[in-house]
Structure formats: C-alpha cells, structure tokens
C-alpha cells in the first residue's frame, strides 16, 4: 500500500516568497558551481547545464544559471567552450588526459569549482534574466576539485596520486586536539623516511696561472791569460797572420778600383748634324721702261 505524503503549505508558501527571480545587476561576480549536468540542447548538441552561487559581495548566495554548449561543427564556439572550461582549471592537459567520452565526467569535476562571471541581462519569456557575457579565472585563486586533492573519482581519466608505502592506514588528518592522527586507525602512522647518503663535494683551490720567466743572460767568462811564453808567441803569430791577410785583401780591392777608373774610354762616334736647305730665291719682277 502506497503512503500519501502530506505537506504544510503555509510553510512552503513562506519559503517560496523568499525566492528571488530578479536578475543580478550587471557586474562581475565570483561564483561557485553547485550543480552541473551533462545533457543535450534543443539543437541536438551536447552541453553542460550548470547552476552557480555568488560567493562574495553584497549579493552572496544569489544564484544564476548558464549553459556551456559543445558545438562540434564550429571552431570558434569550440574555442570559447574550452576557454570557459580553462577558467575553472580544466585546461588542455585535463582534456588531453581525459581522452574521449561524454561530458558526464566534466560535469562531475565542474561541481565545486569557482570562476569570475561578467553578467548582463536579457528578456526571456517575459522575464528579465541574467546573461553571462564572459567567464574568467579568479586572480590568485587556486582552483581544486570538490573534495580536496584530485583523485581518480574527482578527475576521471587522471591517475590518482600514489600513497607512499611507508605510510600505513591512509593519509594522516588533523585530530581535534591539534595532533596528527590516522584517518582509518587510532595508532599514529608508521612513516619510514629513507636517508640518502650525500657526499659533500670537496672544494678545490683554483690553479694559479704560470708566469713565464725571462731567460737570464750568462756572463761571458774572461779570456784566460797565457800559461807560458810559447802560448803568447803563438797567439801573437796568429794575430800577425790575420792582420796580413786583411791588408792583402784591402790592397787587392784598392787596385781593382784604380784599374776601373784609369781604363781608356771608348771613342764616341760623331753625330752628323742635318744641313738645312738654302731658301729658294725668287727673282724680282722686270722693271717697266
């Protein structure tokens, strides 16, 4: 037998009156995706239907909607789709790792992420609705998937971060008393940290450049004096012979120069001077009688 549900309509009416359908003023808003669904547009194109909630400012907790359509036949629309996804932290690396498939895993990861929206307004079915003009990343905001660090369930297609083998019982979490306790066990984790043997490098002194040395001239030893009278006489005879040879060579050179000067000069043949021809004499004309 089915049970009929009952409601307090007075309470429901009061809750309905708190809902606001007025469009947000045209401005920039930081908002978080609180719902995302992979569905199909009326044109047959795949799209993400999302609900966002303003996180800061006087309009915090106000909500608005937007749709991200994946137009497979329009490169410009595709570029806009991936640019909007990048504002939430889903960049080219994410989609490259994701490979192929539907938008369902993208919708799952999109929940909990934030971006900055530029809102305008337009009329739809007789009501003034917000119109998203631009989606940009929040400056300085480190975007993370809902639930903390990305895992295989938070980022489909991306391998989960491996846990070191030295940590038993899972990752440590913060205990109420400020100490670190294990997420799945009451005893503290047994962490084994290997210590690497690092040999400090030995500092070496820089090599000084070699300065070339100048050769030192050795003094010429003085001539030794003759040991005997015979040595002195032999040296004197050699000196006389050298002087005689030099004198003979000088005399021969002088005689050769004198012979070349006194040689009889050869007669120079006379040069015949041309004789100028005598000018022709014209007789005077006869005198008239």
Protein backbone atom coordinates (compact mmCIF):
# COMPACT_ATOMS: atom_id res chain seq x y z
CA UNK A 1 0.00 0.00 0.00
CA UNK A 2 1.41 3.38 -1.01
CA UNK A 3 1.72 6.17 1.53
CA UNK A 4 0.28 9.61 0.72
CA UNK A 5 2.68 12.42 1.56
CA UNK A 6 1.37 15.41 3.46
CA UNK A 7 2.78 18.94 3.46
CA UNK A 8 2.47 22.15 5.44
CA UNK A 9 1.51 24.50 2.63
CA UNK A 10 1.82 27.59 4.86
CA UNK A 11 5.49 26.80 5.41
CA UNK A 12 6.00 26.09 1.71
CA UNK A 13 4.40 29.41 0.77
CA UNK A 14 6.71 31.30 3.13
CA UNK A 15 9.72 29.58 1.62
CA UNK A 16 8.54 30.38 -1.90
CA UNK A 17 8.26 34.08 -1.01
CA UNK A 18 12.00 34.16 -0.10
CA UNK A 19 12.94 33.11 -3.63
CA UNK A 20 14.12 35.99 -5.80
CA UNK A 21 13.67 35.98 -9.55
CA UNK A 22 15.15 39.43 -10.04
CA UNK A 23 18.24 39.44 -12.22
CA UNK A 24 21.53 40.40 -10.63
CA UNK A 25 22.82 43.88 -11.55
CA UNK A 26 25.25 43.99 -14.45
CA UNK A 27 28.65 43.45 -12.88
CA UNK A 28 31.45 40.93 -12.24
CA UNK A 29 30.71 38.16 -9.72
CA UNK A 30 32.79 35.37 -8.19
CA UNK A 31 30.60 32.27 -8.15
CA UNK A 32 30.83 28.54 -7.43
CA UNK A 33 29.28 25.77 -9.48
CA UNK A 34 26.80 23.96 -7.22
CA UNK A 35 25.09 21.82 -9.88
CA UNK A 36 26.26 20.54 -13.28
CA UNK A 37 24.51 18.12 -15.61
CA UNK A 38 25.62 16.71 -18.97
CA UNK A 39 22.61 16.91 -21.29
CA UNK A 40 21.61 17.70 -24.88
CA UNK A 41 20.47 21.10 -26.18
CA UNK A 42 17.36 21.60 -28.28
CA UNK A 43 19.68 21.78 -31.32
CA UNK A 44 20.94 18.27 -30.58
CA UNK A 45 24.37 19.48 -29.43
CA UNK A 46 25.90 18.19 -26.17
CA UNK A 47 26.06 20.76 -23.39
CA UNK A 48 26.63 21.32 -19.67
CA UNK A 49 23.68 22.79 -17.76
CA UNK A 50 25.01 24.47 -14.61
CA UNK A 51 23.78 26.39 -11.58
CA UNK A 52 26.08 28.88 -9.86
CA UNK A 53 26.01 30.63 -6.49
CA UNK A 54 27.66 34.00 -5.79
CA UNK A 55 30.33 33.62 -3.10
CA UNK A 56 31.33 37.21 -2.24
CA UNK A 57 29.94 40.73 -2.05
CA UNK A 58 26.50 42.07 -1.15
CA UNK A 59 24.82 39.55 -3.48
CA UNK A 60 26.44 36.48 -1.89
CA UNK A 61 24.32 33.29 -2.04
CA UNK A 62 22.29 34.60 -5.01
CA UNK A 63 22.08 32.08 -7.82
CA UNK A 64 22.08 32.15 -11.61
CA UNK A 65 22.25 29.63 -14.44
CA UNK A 66 24.37 29.13 -17.51
CA UNK A 67 24.82 26.55 -20.27
CA UNK A 68 28.08 25.56 -21.98
CA UNK A 69 27.30 24.14 -25.43
CA UNK A 70 29.83 21.93 -27.25
CA UNK A 71 29.43 22.88 -30.93
CA UNK A 72 31.34 20.22 -32.83
CA UNK A 73 30.93 21.94 -36.20
CA UNK A 74 32.05 25.45 -35.13
CA UNK A 75 35.76 26.00 -34.32
CA UNK A 76 35.08 29.45 -32.82
CA UNK A 77 32.40 28.04 -30.50
CA UNK A 78 34.71 25.16 -29.55
CA UNK A 79 37.46 27.63 -28.67
CA UNK A 80 35.02 29.55 -26.43
CA UNK A 81 33.91 26.31 -24.71
CA UNK A 82 37.46 25.26 -23.83
CA UNK A 83 38.33 28.83 -22.78
CA UNK A 84 35.40 28.79 -20.33
CA UNK A 85 36.47 25.39 -19.00
CA UNK A 86 40.02 26.68 -18.52
CA UNK A 87 38.63 29.44 -16.28
CA UNK A 88 37.57 26.63 -13.89
CA UNK A 89 41.01 24.96 -14.05
CA UNK A 90 40.08 22.35 -16.68
CA UNK A 91 42.84 23.17 -19.13
CA UNK A 92 44.18 21.41 -22.20
CA UNK A 93 46.15 18.91 -20.11
CA UNK A 94 42.95 17.77 -18.39
CA UNK A 95 41.07 17.12 -21.64
CA UNK A 96 44.13 15.50 -23.23
CA UNK A 97 44.38 13.10 -20.30
CA UNK A 98 40.63 12.52 -20.35
CA UNK A 99 40.89 11.34 -23.95
CA UNK A 100 37.41 10.64 -25.35
CA UNK A 101 33.94 10.13 -23.97
CA UNK A 102 30.96 12.24 -22.96
CA UNK A 103 30.61 15.42 -20.89
CA UNK A 104 29.47 13.44 -17.82
CA UNK A 105 32.93 13.31 -16.15
CA UNK A 106 33.43 17.01 -16.95
CA UNK A 107 30.15 17.85 -15.21
CA UNK A 108 31.23 15.85 -12.18
CA UNK A 109 34.56 17.66 -11.86
CA UNK A 110 32.99 21.08 -12.51
CA UNK A 111 30.97 21.00 -9.26
CA UNK A 112 32.78 22.89 -6.50
CA UNK A 113 34.96 24.93 -8.84
CA UNK A 114 34.83 28.73 -8.98
CA UNK A 115 35.24 31.37 -11.67
CA UNK A 116 34.56 35.06 -12.25
CA UNK A 117 31.47 35.87 -14.35
CA UNK A 118 30.61 39.08 -16.17
CA UNK A 119 26.80 39.25 -16.05
CA UNK A 120 24.48 41.25 -18.24
CA UNK A 121 20.73 40.75 -18.65
CA UNK A 122 18.20 39.80 -21.34
CA UNK A 123 14.49 39.21 -21.52
CA UNK A 124 13.37 35.58 -21.69
CA UNK A 125 9.71 34.54 -21.71
CA UNK A 126 8.68 37.95 -20.48
CA UNK A 127 11.14 37.98 -17.55
CA UNK A 128 14.41 39.78 -17.06
CA UNK A 129 17.14 37.11 -16.78
CA UNK A 130 20.90 37.28 -16.33
CA UNK A 131 23.05 36.68 -19.38
CA UNK A 132 26.66 35.51 -18.99
CA UNK A 133 28.92 37.75 -21.07
CA UNK A 134 32.33 36.35 -20.05
CA UNK A 135 33.88 33.67 -17.83
CA UNK A 136 37.39 34.24 -16.46
CA UNK A 137 39.57 32.65 -13.75
CA UNK A 138 39.63 34.36 -10.37
CA UNK A 139 43.07 36.03 -9.96
CA UNK A 140 45.17 34.29 -7.32
CA UNK A 141 42.58 31.56 -6.77
CA UNK A 142 44.00 28.02 -6.58
CA UNK A 143 41.15 26.02 -8.10
CA UNK A 144 40.73 22.49 -6.71
CA UNK A 145 38.04 19.89 -7.38
CA UNK A 146 35.35 19.46 -4.75
CA UNK A 147 36.64 17.12 -2.05
CA UNK A 148 40.30 18.26 -1.88
CA UNK A 149 43.13 16.70 -3.84
CA UNK A 150 42.26 15.29 -7.28
CA UNK A 151 41.78 11.53 -7.30
CA UNK A 152 40.58 9.01 -9.86
CA UNK A 153 36.96 9.72 -8.82
CA UNK A 154 37.40 13.51 -8.79
CA UNK A 155 39.29 13.66 -12.08
CA UNK A 156 38.13 10.89 -14.40
CA UNK A 157 40.91 9.77 -16.67
CA UNK A 158 43.63 11.20 -14.41
CA UNK A 159 45.55 8.65 -12.29
CA UNK A 160 45.28 9.13 -8.55
CA UNK A 161 48.28 10.32 -6.55
CA UNK A 162 50.03 7.21 -5.14
CA UNK A 163 50.43 6.92 -1.37
CA UNK A 164 54.00 6.09 -0.22
CA UNK A 165 54.44 2.54 1.03
CA UNK A 166 55.87 3.76 4.31
CA UNK A 167 52.52 5.32 5.34
CA UNK A 168 50.20 2.65 6.72
CA UNK A 169 46.47 3.11 7.16
CA UNK A 170 45.91 6.02 4.75
CA UNK A 171 46.72 9.71 4.78
CA UNK A 172 47.03 11.49 8.16
CA UNK A 173 44.34 14.02 9.10
CA UNK A 174 44.11 16.71 11.76
CA UNK A 175 42.82 15.47 15.14
CA UNK A 176 40.63 17.66 17.42
CA UNK A 177 43.45 18.18 19.93
CA UNK A 178 45.77 19.60 17.26
CA UNK A 179 47.85 16.45 16.81
CA UNK A 180 48.09 14.32 13.70
CA UNK A 181 46.03 11.15 13.72
CA UNK A 182 45.36 8.45 11.15
CA UNK A 183 42.20 8.67 9.03
CA UNK A 184 41.39 4.97 9.42
CA UNK A 185 43.28 3.84 12.56
CA UNK A 186 43.78 5.13 16.07
CA UNK A 187 47.53 4.49 16.19
CA UNK A 188 49.88 7.01 14.58
CA UNK A 189 51.14 6.13 11.10
CA UNK A 190 54.43 4.37 10.78
CA UNK A 191 56.41 6.60 8.44
CA UNK A 192 59.73 5.33 7.20
CA UNK A 193 61.81 8.06 5.63
CA UNK A 194 64.90 6.81 3.81
CA UNK A 195 68.01 8.86 4.45
CA UNK A 196 70.16 9.37 1.41
CA UNK A 197 73.93 9.32 1.83
CA UNK A 198 75.10 12.58 0.40
CA UNK A 199 78.81 13.14 -0.03
CA UNK A 200 79.73 16.78 0.22
CA UNK A 201 81.84 17.94 -2.68
CA UNK A 202 85.45 18.79 -1.84
CA UNK A 203 86.28 22.35 -2.66
CA UNK A 204 89.37 22.64 -4.82
CA UNK A 205 91.69 25.59 -4.87
CA UNK A 206 91.85 27.39 -8.22
CA UNK A 207 95.03 26.80 -10.17
CA UNK A 208 97.27 29.83 -10.31
CA UNK A 209 98.43 30.77 -13.82
CA UNK A 210 102.09 30.08 -14.61
CA UNK A 211 104.10 33.28 -15.07
CA UNK A 212 106.76 32.88 -17.80
CA UNK A 213 110.29 33.60 -16.63
CA UNK A 214 112.75 35.68 -18.58
CA UNK A 215 115.99 33.92 -19.52
CA UNK A 216 118.98 35.18 -17.55
CA UNK A 217 121.98 36.00 -19.69
CA UNK A 218 125.06 34.20 -18.52
CA UNK A 219 128.19 36.38 -18.33
CA UNK A 220 130.93 35.61 -20.82
CA UNK A 221 133.92 34.26 -18.99
CA UNK A 222 137.04 36.46 -19.42
CA UNK A 223 139.84 35.31 -21.61
CA UNK A 224 142.43 33.39 -19.72
CA UNK A 225 145.97 34.64 -19.67
CA UNK A 226 148.57 32.53 -21.48
CA UNK A 227 150.16 29.95 -19.34
CA UNK A 228 153.59 30.22 -20.94
CA UNK A 229 155.76 32.26 -23.26
CA UNK A 230 155.22 29.76 -26.09
CA UNK A 231 151.45 30.28 -25.93
CA UNK A 232 151.92 34.06 -26.05
CA UNK A 233 154.21 33.82 -29.07
CA UNK A 234 151.76 31.53 -30.91
CA UNK A 235 148.90 33.93 -30.26
CA UNK A 236 150.99 36.85 -31.49
CA UNK A 237 151.87 34.97 -34.69
CA UNK A 238 148.23 34.19 -35.38
CA UNK A 239 147.34 37.83 -34.88
CA UNK A 240 150.07 38.93 -37.30
CA UNK A 241 148.80 36.49 -39.92
CA UNK A 242 145.25 37.79 -39.60
CA UNK A 243 146.41 41.38 -40.00
CA UNK A 244 148.48 40.48 -43.04
CA UNK A 245 145.53 38.72 -44.68
CA UNK A 246 143.25 41.71 -44.07
CA UNK A 247 145.92 44.09 -45.51
CA UNK A 248 146.33 41.96 -48.64
CA UNK A 249 142.60 41.86 -49.24
CA UNK A 250 142.37 45.65 -48.80
CA UNK A 251 145.22 46.21 -51.28
CA UNK A 252 143.59 43.97 -53.87
CA UNK A 253 140.29 45.84 -53.54
CA UNK A 254 142.05 49.21 -53.92
CA UNK A 255 143.91 48.06 -57.05
CA UNK A 256 140.73 46.85 -58.68
CA UNK A 257 139.00 50.18 -58.09
CA UNK A 258 142.00 52.12 -59.52
CA UNK A 259 142.07 49.93 -62.64
CA UNK A 260 138.41 50.58 -63.35
CA UNK A 261 138.97 54.34 -63.05
CA UNK A 262 142.12 54.53 -65.32
CA UNK A 263 140.71 52.36 -68.11
CA UNK A 264 140.82 54.12 -71.55
CA UNK A 265 137.38 55.35 -72.54
CA UNK A 266 135.94 54.17 -75.82
CA UNK A 267 135.63 56.84 -78.59
CA UNK A 268 132.13 58.15 -79.11
CA UNK A 269 131.11 58.22 -82.77
CA UNK A 270 130.33 61.75 -84.06
CA UNK A 271 126.73 62.62 -84.58
CA UNK A 272 126.01 64.05 -88.02
CA UNK A 273 124.06 67.27 -87.85
CA UNK A 274 121.48 67.74 -90.60
CA UNK A 275 122.27 70.57 -93.10
CA UNK A 276 119.44 72.97 -93.55
CA UNK A 277 118.48 73.58 -97.18
CA UNK A 278 119.02 77.10 -98.53
CA UNK A 279 115.80 79.02 -99.10
CA UNK A 280 114.74 79.45 -102.72
CA UNK A 281 115.45 82.98 -104.16
CA UNK A 282 112.66 84.48 -106.24
CA UNK A 283 113.92 86.93 -108.96
CA UNK A 284 112.46 90.41 -108.80
CA UNK A 285 109.92 91.35 -111.43
CA UNK A 286 111.26 93.27 -114.50
CA UNK A 287 111.27 96.97 -114.28
CA UNK A 288 108.98 98.72 -116.70
CA UNK A 289 110.57 101.08 -119.27
